[in-house]
Amino acid sequence: MGLILLIIILVILARTTAELILLELNTRHLLKHKESPPQELNGFIDKNLYNLTVNYTLEKSKVNKVELIYETIILIVLLTSGILPYSFDIFRNIFHESPIAMGLYIFVMGYLYLLLKLPFDWYYQFRIEEKFKFNTTTLKLWLTDHIKFFIISLVLTTLIAGLVIYLYDYNSSKWAIYAFIALSIIQIILMIIAPRILMPLFNRFWKLPDGNLRDKLLSLCEKTNFPVSSIEVMDGSKRSKHSNAFFTGFGKFKKIVLFDTLIHQLSEDELLSVVAHEIGHYKYGHFIKTLLLSLMSTAISLFIVDYLIKSEWFYQSFGFNTDNPAPTILLLFLIGGNFTFWFFPILNRFSRKWEFQADAFASKTSEKPEYLITALKKLAEKNLSNPSPHPLYSSVYYSHPDLIQRIKALETISAYYG
């Protein structure tokens, strides 16, 4: 085993060990508070419901540990068994090294890795979610979803990866600049067309019927100077009882989308506070900042690929004997998360700060923070969300502040309007 491969395996094992420790810390922290809910939830969540929340979190954590070890073993086997260069030689012999063929190679091997994790996806959906009465997905729908995802991924991954490789073949010295421009344009185009073309392949959307809720939402958009083209409902209940709300589109083409489950779970005023929170993200420019971070990540990734393509010591460590960029791109897809994992706390710290800002915007817009507080409590109750995660665990994984932190911040605002 070469030194580079050994170092990468050690990084993979370090990440796995860190995640297992974090899961164990979170489990023990939860067990310490198993007997009764946090004080902030007294009078709102009863002991039986809280116990159900604890059991749901513990059940997921138990399976997460097994899945994490399984994924680590699979990844190390893929990297050390020689199957990656062996399969590359097969593709090269059959299809030669055309950009589309190399794009297809990246898709096939990347999807194979994802496919090996499919049993856990099934277990989460039809065992854990079923046990806690969240699952509304049929096996037929689950399989249909994966077939659709396979087809979409096949087309997009093959074409996009093929384009990147074509640009490398066209100009190996400036390809990364061209690829960054192309990928940036493609990302923005996908953000525009996904709500209109891709998402309707999985869910049904319809306009929110005329009535009091629609009038209030339109009034909120007018009050906050937030133009929307439509307000729609999505049939989230066809797969799960979990709920959500989100915005899609740019400029005057922005749409509000509400899960049908969310409409049934919240009162109109609570629902307005949730939508106001999402508007707050736009007002603070969080979506633009997220897009810029994504583009910056793309630029860094292309810089790394450009460097490693020209470094024989890297791809030869895994058994490849080619300067074609396809193996390097595939390897970064497989191992990249083990390096970016260590930056999660930094990125999620920004994200949690933005969530506090959006909460504050929603509260000040309505001047009644209690509506958002009750909405957050209800959503935590309906989704069995862990209200008191271990601080270190939440700092690494949580893109949102935990429920208690959000309630305390909103209560401070509530005291101001008191």
Protein backbone atom coordinates (compact mmCIF):
# COMPACT_ATOMS: atom_id res chain seq x y z
CA MET A 1 0.00 0.00 0.00
CA GLY A 2 1.43 3.38 -1.03
CA LEU A 3 1.98 6.21 1.40
CA ILE A 4 -0.68 8.46 -0.21
CA LEU A 5 -3.32 5.73 -0.07
CA LEU A 6 -2.38 5.00 3.55
CA ILE A 7 -2.74 8.68 4.50
CA ILE A 8 -6.17 8.89 2.84
CA ILE A 9 -7.35 5.75 4.63
CA LEU A 10 -6.17 7.24 7.93
CA VAL A 11 -8.17 10.41 7.15
CA ILE A 12 -11.24 8.26 6.41
CA LEU A 13 -10.81 6.36 9.68
CA ALA A 14 -10.29 9.63 11.58
CA ARG A 15 -13.56 11.00 10.23
CA THR A 16 -15.41 7.77 11.05
CA THR A 17 -13.99 7.75 14.58
CA ALA A 18 -14.95 11.40 15.10
CA GLU A 19 -18.51 10.76 13.91
CA LEU A 20 -18.89 7.69 16.12
CA ILE A 21 -17.68 9.70 19.13
CA LEU A 22 -20.13 12.50 18.33
CA LEU A 23 -23.01 10.03 18.01
CA GLU A 24 -22.09 8.47 21.35
CA LEU A 25 -21.82 11.87 23.04
CA ASN A 26 -25.24 12.84 21.70
CA THR A 27 -26.75 9.53 22.85
CA ARG A 28 -25.39 9.85 26.38
CA HIS A 29 -26.45 13.49 26.59
CA LEU A 30 -29.98 12.53 25.58
CA LEU A 31 -30.14 9.67 28.06
CA LYS A 32 -29.20 12.09 30.85
CA HIS A 33 -32.33 14.11 30.07
CA LYS A 34 -34.54 11.14 29.29
CA GLU A 35 -36.83 11.45 32.29
CA SER A 36 -38.41 14.81 31.49
CA PRO A 37 -38.43 17.41 28.69
CA PRO A 38 -36.38 20.62 28.95
CA GLN A 39 -37.92 23.34 31.12
CA GLU A 40 -38.69 25.53 28.08
CA LEU A 41 -41.10 22.84 26.85
CA ASN A 42 -42.91 22.33 30.15
CA GLY A 43 -46.66 22.52 29.67
CA PHE A 44 -46.34 22.00 25.94
CA ILE A 45 -44.94 18.52 25.47
CA ASP A 46 -46.05 15.70 27.78
CA LYS A 47 -43.78 13.00 29.11
CA ASN A 48 -45.09 10.29 26.78
CA LEU A 49 -44.48 12.41 23.70
CA TYR A 50 -41.04 13.37 24.96
CA ASN A 51 -40.16 9.71 25.53
CA LEU A 52 -41.26 9.00 21.98
CA THR A 53 -38.92 11.77 20.77
CA VAL A 54 -36.04 10.30 22.77
CA ASN A 55 -36.69 6.79 21.42
CA TYR A 56 -36.89 8.08 17.84
CA THR A 57 -33.54 9.87 18.17
CA LEU A 58 -31.88 6.88 19.85
CA GLU A 59 -33.22 4.50 17.20
CA LYS A 60 -31.79 6.63 14.38
CA SER A 61 -28.46 7.05 16.18
CA LYS A 62 -28.11 3.30 16.61
CA VAL A 63 -28.59 2.68 12.89
CA ASN A 64 -26.39 5.69 12.01
CA LYS A 65 -23.47 4.02 13.80
CA VAL A 66 -23.89 0.77 11.89
CA GLU A 67 -24.30 2.65 8.60
CA LEU A 68 -21.20 4.72 9.25
CA ILE A 69 -19.03 1.65 9.86
CA TYR A 70 -20.54 -0.09 6.82
CA GLU A 71 -19.88 2.91 4.53
CA THR A 72 -16.30 3.16 5.77
CA ILE A 73 -15.62 -0.51 5.02
CA ILE A 74 -17.20 -0.21 1.55
CA LEU A 75 -15.17 2.90 0.72
CA ILE A 76 -11.86 1.41 1.87
CA VAL A 77 -12.56 -1.78 -0.13
CA LEU A 78 -13.32 0.30 -3.24
CA LEU A 79 -10.09 2.25 -2.85
CA THR A 80 -7.79 -0.69 -2.07
CA SER A 81 -9.23 -3.63 -4.05
CA GLY A 82 -8.20 -2.38 -7.49
CA ILE A 83 -11.81 -2.42 -8.76
CA LEU A 84 -11.65 1.28 -9.71
CA PRO A 85 -8.69 1.08 -12.14
CA TYR A 86 -9.90 -2.35 -13.35
CA SER A 87 -13.33 -0.97 -14.26
CA PHE A 88 -11.71 2.09 -15.83
CA ASP A 89 -9.66 -0.11 -18.14
CA ILE A 90 -12.82 -1.98 -19.15
CA PHE A 91 -14.60 1.29 -20.01
CA ARG A 92 -11.57 2.56 -21.89
CA ASN A 93 -11.28 -0.64 -23.92
CA ILE A 94 -14.99 -0.67 -24.82
CA PHE A 95 -15.79 3.03 -25.23
CA HIS A 96 -12.28 4.51 -25.58
CA GLU A 97 -11.69 7.82 -23.77
CA SER A 98 -14.37 10.03 -25.27
CA PRO A 99 -15.69 12.67 -22.83
CA ILE A 100 -19.16 11.08 -22.73
CA ALA A 101 -17.70 7.62 -22.05
CA MET A 102 -15.58 9.02 -19.21
CA GLY A 103 -18.60 10.90 -17.85
CA LEU A 104 -20.52 7.62 -17.92
CA TYR A 105 -17.68 5.90 -16.05
CA ILE A 106 -17.83 8.53 -13.29
CA PHE A 107 -21.60 8.07 -13.03
CA VAL A 108 -21.54 4.25 -12.99
CA MET A 109 -18.88 3.97 -10.28
CA GLY A 110 -20.30 6.83 -8.22
CA TYR A 111 -23.81 5.41 -8.43
CA LEU A 112 -22.55 1.93 -7.54
CA TYR A 113 -21.19 3.40 -4.30
CA LEU A 114 -24.55 5.03 -3.58
CA LEU A 115 -26.40 1.83 -4.52
CA LEU A 116 -24.47 -0.15 -1.93
CA LYS A 117 -25.94 2.18 0.72
CA LEU A 118 -29.51 1.68 -0.51
CA PRO A 119 -30.43 -0.97 2.11
CA PHE A 120 -30.05 1.64 4.83
CA ASP A 121 -32.30 4.04 2.95
CA TRP A 122 -34.90 1.28 2.80
CA TYR A 123 -34.49 0.52 6.51
CA TYR A 124 -34.90 4.13 7.55
CA GLN A 125 -38.04 4.50 5.44
CA PHE A 126 -39.82 1.21 6.08
CA ARG A 127 -38.61 0.32 9.55
CA ILE A 128 -37.78 3.44 11.59
CA GLU A 129 -40.15 5.91 9.89
CA GLU A 130 -42.83 3.22 9.79
CA LYS A 131 -42.35 2.36 13.46
CA PHE A 132 -42.83 5.99 14.50
CA LYS A 133 -45.78 6.48 12.11
CA PHE A 134 -44.08 8.96 9.75
CA ASN A 135 -43.91 6.82 6.65
CA THR A 136 -46.66 7.14 4.04
CA THR A 137 -44.53 5.86 1.14
CA THR A 138 -45.40 2.60 -0.57
CA LEU A 139 -42.69 0.24 -1.78
CA LYS A 140 -43.82 0.92 -5.36
CA LEU A 141 -43.45 4.68 -4.92
CA TRP A 142 -40.07 4.24 -3.21
CA LEU A 143 -38.79 2.13 -6.11
CA THR A 144 -40.26 4.55 -8.67
CA ASP A 145 -38.51 7.47 -6.96
CA HIS A 146 -35.16 5.69 -7.15
CA ILE A 147 -35.65 4.80 -10.81
CA LYS A 148 -36.45 8.44 -11.62
CA PHE A 149 -33.45 9.58 -9.60
CA PHE A 150 -31.26 7.07 -11.46
CA ILE A 151 -32.37 8.34 -14.88
CA ILE A 152 -31.97 12.02 -13.96
CA SER A 153 -28.56 11.38 -12.39
CA LEU A 154 -27.46 9.32 -15.38
CA VAL A 155 -28.26 12.12 -17.81
CA LEU A 156 -27.01 15.06 -15.75
CA THR A 157 -23.85 13.44 -14.34
CA THR A 158 -22.77 11.94 -17.66
CA LEU A 159 -23.34 15.16 -19.59
CA ILE A 160 -21.86 17.53 -17.00
CA ALA A 161 -18.84 15.33 -16.23
CA GLY A 162 -18.42 14.76 -19.96
CA LEU A 163 -18.44 18.52 -20.55
CA VAL A 164 -15.74 19.05 -17.91
CA ILE A 165 -13.55 16.36 -19.49
CA TYR A 166 -14.16 17.80 -22.96
CA LEU A 167 -12.95 21.21 -21.72
CA TYR A 168 -9.82 19.54 -20.32
CA ASP A 169 -9.16 17.87 -23.68
CA TYR A 170 -9.79 21.19 -25.44
CA ASN A 171 -7.37 23.24 -23.34
CA SER A 172 -5.57 21.46 -20.49
CA SER A 173 -3.97 24.67 -19.22
CA LYS A 174 -7.13 26.80 -18.90
CA TRP A 175 -9.81 24.12 -18.63
CA ALA A 176 -10.52 24.82 -14.95
CA ILE A 177 -11.50 28.44 -15.74
CA TYR A 178 -13.77 27.33 -18.57
CA ALA A 179 -15.24 24.57 -16.41
CA PHE A 180 -15.95 26.98 -13.56
CA ILE A 181 -17.85 29.32 -15.88
CA ALA A 182 -19.78 26.41 -17.42
CA LEU A 183 -20.63 24.78 -14.08
CA SER A 184 -21.71 28.11 -12.58
CA ILE A 185 -24.12 28.70 -15.47
CA ILE A 186 -25.43 25.13 -15.25
CA GLN A 187 -26.00 25.43 -11.49
CA ILE A 188 -28.04 28.62 -11.90
CA ILE A 189 -30.03 27.11 -14.78
CA LEU A 190 -30.81 24.02 -12.70
CA MET A 191 -31.99 26.22 -9.82
CA ILE A 192 -34.43 27.87 -12.25
CA ILE A 193 -35.72 24.79 -14.06
CA ALA A 194 -35.76 22.31 -11.15
CA PRO A 195 -39.04 23.66 -9.66
CA ARG A 196 -40.69 23.65 -13.08
CA ILE A 197 -39.36 20.42 -14.61
CA LEU A 198 -37.59 18.15 -12.11
CA MET A 199 -39.60 18.54 -8.91
CA PRO A 200 -42.98 17.87 -10.61
CA LEU A 201 -41.56 14.48 -11.62
CA PHE A 202 -41.69 13.50 -7.95
CA ASN A 203 -44.51 15.58 -6.45
CA ARG A 204 -47.80 17.16 -7.41
CA PHE A 205 -48.18 20.94 -7.01
CA TRP A 206 -51.34 23.01 -7.02
CA LYS A 207 -52.19 26.62 -6.31
CA LEU A 208 -53.27 27.46 -2.78
CA PRO A 209 -57.06 27.94 -2.99
CA ASP A 210 -58.53 31.40 -2.55
CA GLY A 211 -59.34 32.14 1.05
CA ASN A 212 -58.17 33.71 4.25
CA LEU A 213 -54.75 31.97 4.34
CA ARG A 214 -53.93 32.97 0.77
CA ASP A 215 -55.01 36.57 1.42
CA LYS A 216 -52.84 36.75 4.55
CA LEU A 217 -49.81 35.33 2.74
CA LEU A 218 -50.18 37.78 -0.14
CA SER A 219 -50.59 40.62 2.37
CA LEU A 220 -47.39 39.48 4.14
CA CYS A 221 -45.50 39.46 0.82
CA GLU A 222 -46.75 42.96 0.01
CA LYS A 223 -45.90 44.22 3.50
CA THR A 224 -42.33 42.89 3.22
CA ASN A 225 -41.94 43.96 -0.43
CA PHE A 226 -41.44 40.36 -1.46
CA PRO A 227 -42.99 39.74 -4.89
CA VAL A 228 -44.10 36.18 -5.65
CA SER A 229 -45.51 34.70 -8.84
CA SER A 230 -47.62 32.09 -7.04
CA ILE A 231 -48.35 30.33 -3.75
CA GLU A 232 -48.48 26.55 -4.15
CA VAL A 233 -49.11 23.43 -2.10
CA MET A 234 -47.03 20.26 -2.49
CA ASP A 235 -48.28 16.77 -1.70
CA GLY A 236 -45.54 15.96 0.80
CA SER A 237 -47.95 13.65 2.60
CA LYS A 238 -47.61 11.05 -0.18
CA ARG A 239 -44.22 10.08 1.28
CA SER A 240 -44.07 11.27 4.87
CA LYS A 241 -45.87 13.09 7.66
CA HIS A 242 -42.85 15.36 8.08
CA SER A 243 -43.51 18.94 6.98
CA ASN A 244 -41.72 21.90 5.43
CA ALA A 245 -42.05 25.14 3.47
CA PHE A 246 -39.67 26.69 0.98
CA PHE A 247 -39.22 29.25 -1.80
CA THR A 248 -38.03 28.58 -5.32
CA GLY A 249 -37.12 30.75 -8.29
CA PHE A 250 -35.49 34.14 -8.78
CA GLY A 251 -36.77 37.69 -9.04
CA LYS A 252 -40.42 37.99 -9.97
CA PHE A 253 -40.57 34.22 -10.59
CA LYS A 254 -40.26 33.39 -6.88
CA LYS A 255 -42.82 30.88 -5.59
CA ILE A 256 -43.91 29.98 -2.06
CA VAL A 257 -44.36 26.22 -1.67
CA LEU A 258 -46.09 24.76 1.39
CA PHE A 259 -46.22 21.07 2.26
CA ASP A 260 -49.84 19.96 2.66
CA THR A 261 -48.80 18.46 6.01
CA LEU A 262 -47.60 21.87 7.22
CA ILE A 263 -50.96 23.48 6.46
CA HIS A 264 -52.71 20.87 8.60
CA GLN A 265 -50.24 21.13 11.49
CA LEU A 266 -50.12 24.90 12.04
CA SER A 267 -52.62 27.69 12.56
CA GLU A 268 -52.74 30.48 9.97
CA ASP A 269 -50.78 32.90 12.16
CA GLU A 270 -48.14 30.26 12.89
CA LEU A 271 -47.91 29.43 9.21
CA LEU A 272 -47.43 33.11 8.40
CA SER A 273 -44.56 33.29 10.87
CA VAL A 274 -42.85 30.33 9.17
CA VAL A 275 -43.22 31.97 5.74
CA ALA A 276 -41.96 35.27 7.19
CA HIS A 277 -38.89 33.38 8.41
CA GLU A 278 -38.22 32.22 4.84
CA ILE A 279 -38.72 35.76 3.54
CA GLY A 280 -36.15 36.85 6.12
CA HIS A 281 -33.58 34.63 4.43
CA TYR A 282 -34.15 36.49 1.17
CA LYS A 283 -34.10 39.90 2.83
CA TYR A 284 -30.74 39.18 4.47
CA GLY A 285 -29.34 37.80 1.22
CA HIS A 286 -28.74 34.34 2.64
CA PHE A 287 -29.65 32.57 -0.60
CA ILE A 288 -27.16 34.68 -2.57
CA LYS A 289 -24.51 34.03 0.09
CA THR A 290 -25.23 30.30 -0.09
CA LEU A 291 -24.94 30.39 -3.88
CA LEU A 292 -21.62 32.25 -3.63
CA LEU A 293 -20.31 29.69 -1.13
CA SER A 294 -21.34 26.92 -3.51
CA LEU A 295 -19.58 28.60 -6.43
CA MET A 296 -16.50 29.12 -4.29
CA SER A 297 -16.58 25.43 -3.39
CA THR A 298 -16.78 24.57 -7.10
CA ALA A 299 -13.78 26.79 -7.86
CA ILE A 300 -11.69 25.21 -5.08
CA SER A 301 -12.66 21.71 -6.20
CA LEU A 302 -11.63 22.45 -9.80
CA PHE A 303 -8.32 23.91 -8.60
CA ILE A 304 -7.65 20.72 -6.62
CA VAL A 305 -8.61 18.50 -9.57
CA ASP A 306 -6.36 20.53 -11.86
CA TYR A 307 -3.45 20.06 -9.47
CA LEU A 308 -4.04 16.34 -8.89
CA ILE A 309 -4.49 15.51 -12.61
CA LYS A 310 -0.95 16.71 -13.12
CA SER A 311 0.31 14.75 -10.11
CA GLU A 312 1.13 11.18 -11.06
CA TRP A 313 1.75 10.29 -7.42
CA PHE A 314 -1.94 10.79 -6.70
CA TYR A 315 -3.81 8.69 -9.25
CA GLN A 316 -1.04 6.09 -9.49
CA SER A 317 -1.44 5.50 -5.75
CA PHE A 318 -4.88 4.04 -6.55
CA GLY A 319 -3.65 1.95 -9.48
CA PHE A 320 -4.53 4.29 -12.35
CA ASN A 321 -2.03 4.76 -15.18
CA THR A 322 -3.59 7.64 -17.09
CA ASP A 323 -3.66 11.41 -17.03
CA ASN A 324 -7.35 11.41 -18.00
CA PRO A 325 -9.21 13.58 -15.46
CA ALA A 326 -12.08 11.06 -14.99
CA PRO A 327 -10.37 8.93 -12.29
CA THR A 328 -9.30 12.01 -10.35
CA ILE A 329 -12.83 13.45 -10.44
CA LEU A 330 -14.26 10.11 -9.29
CA LEU A 331 -11.72 9.78 -6.48
CA LEU A 332 -12.51 13.27 -5.18
CA PHE A 333 -16.22 12.41 -5.24
CA LEU A 334 -15.54 9.31 -3.14
CA ILE A 335 -13.07 10.72 -0.63
CA GLY A 336 -13.78 14.46 -0.65
CA GLY A 337 -16.35 14.33 2.14
CA ASN A 338 -13.75 12.94 4.53
CA PHE A 339 -11.78 16.18 4.18
CA THR A 340 -14.69 18.66 4.01
CA PHE A 341 -16.22 17.08 7.14
CA TRP A 342 -13.74 19.00 9.29
CA PHE A 343 -15.12 22.30 7.94
CA PHE A 344 -18.73 21.50 8.90
CA PRO A 345 -18.56 23.40 12.23
CA ILE A 346 -17.45 26.59 10.46
CA LEU A 347 -20.07 26.44 7.70
CA ASN A 348 -22.87 25.47 10.06
CA ARG A 349 -21.96 28.28 12.43
CA PHE A 350 -22.69 30.75 9.61
CA SER A 351 -25.91 28.90 8.81
CA ARG A 352 -27.14 29.02 12.44
CA LYS A 353 -26.40 32.73 12.57
CA TRP A 354 -28.53 33.22 9.46
CA GLU A 355 -31.37 31.23 11.02
CA PHE A 356 -31.35 33.53 14.06
CA GLN A 357 -31.52 36.52 11.71
CA ALA A 358 -34.47 35.02 9.82
CA ASP A 359 -36.25 34.27 13.10
CA ALA A 360 -35.73 37.85 14.23
CA PHE A 361 -37.06 39.16 10.90
CA ALA A 362 -40.19 37.00 11.19
CA SER A 363 -40.79 38.17 14.76
CA LYS A 364 -40.33 41.85 13.99
CA THR A 365 -42.51 41.60 10.90
CA SER A 366 -45.47 40.27 12.88
CA GLU A 367 -44.50 41.95 16.17
CA LYS A 368 -45.76 38.72 17.76
CA PRO A 369 -42.79 36.37 18.28
CA GLU A 370 -45.03 33.95 20.19
CA TYR A 371 -46.50 32.72 16.91
CA LEU A 372 -43.12 31.55 15.67
CA ILE A 373 -42.33 30.05 19.07
CA THR A 374 -45.49 27.94 19.05
CA ALA A 375 -44.89 27.03 15.38
CA LEU A 376 -41.37 25.79 16.18
CA LYS A 377 -42.64 23.83 19.17
CA LYS A 378 -45.38 22.20 17.12
CA LEU A 379 -42.99 21.31 14.32
CA ALA A 380 -40.55 19.81 16.82
CA GLU A 381 -43.41 17.83 18.34
CA LYS A 382 -44.80 16.62 15.01
CA ASN A 383 -41.32 15.70 13.69
CA LEU A 384 -40.06 14.25 17.00
CA SER A 385 -37.01 16.52 16.78
CA ASN A 386 -34.42 16.21 19.52
CA PRO A 387 -34.87 19.41 21.59
CA SER A 388 -31.61 19.10 23.52
CA PRO A 389 -28.71 17.69 21.45
CA HIS A 390 -25.17 17.60 22.79
CA PRO A 391 -23.58 21.03 22.13
CA LEU A 392 -20.59 19.55 20.29
CA TYR A 393 -22.84 17.33 18.16
CA SER A 394 -25.09 20.22 17.16
CA SER A 395 -22.11 22.48 16.42
CA VAL A 396 -20.86 19.96 13.86
CA TYR A 397 -24.10 18.78 12.25
CA TYR A 398 -26.85 21.33 12.87
CA SER A 399 -27.40 23.96 10.20
CA HIS A 400 -30.19 25.35 12.44
CA PRO A 401 -29.94 26.30 16.11
CA ASP A 402 -31.60 23.71 18.32
CA LEU A 403 -35.15 24.34 19.50
CA ILE A 404 -34.20 25.61 22.96
CA GLN A 405 -31.73 28.15 21.55
CA ARG A 406 -34.31 29.48 19.11
CA ILE A 407 -36.99 29.75 21.79
CA LYS A 408 -34.68 31.69 24.13
CA ALA A 409 -33.72 34.12 21.36
CA LEU A 410 -37.37 34.64 20.40
CA GLU A 411 -38.41 35.15 24.01
CA THR A 412 -35.87 37.97 24.23
CA ILE A 413 -37.56 39.61 21.23
CA SER A 414 -40.98 38.90 22.76
CA ALA A 415 -39.93 40.72 25.97
CA TYR A 416 -39.00 43.72 23.81
CA TYR A 417 -42.46 43.87 22.25
CA GLY A 418 -43.99 42.83 25.59
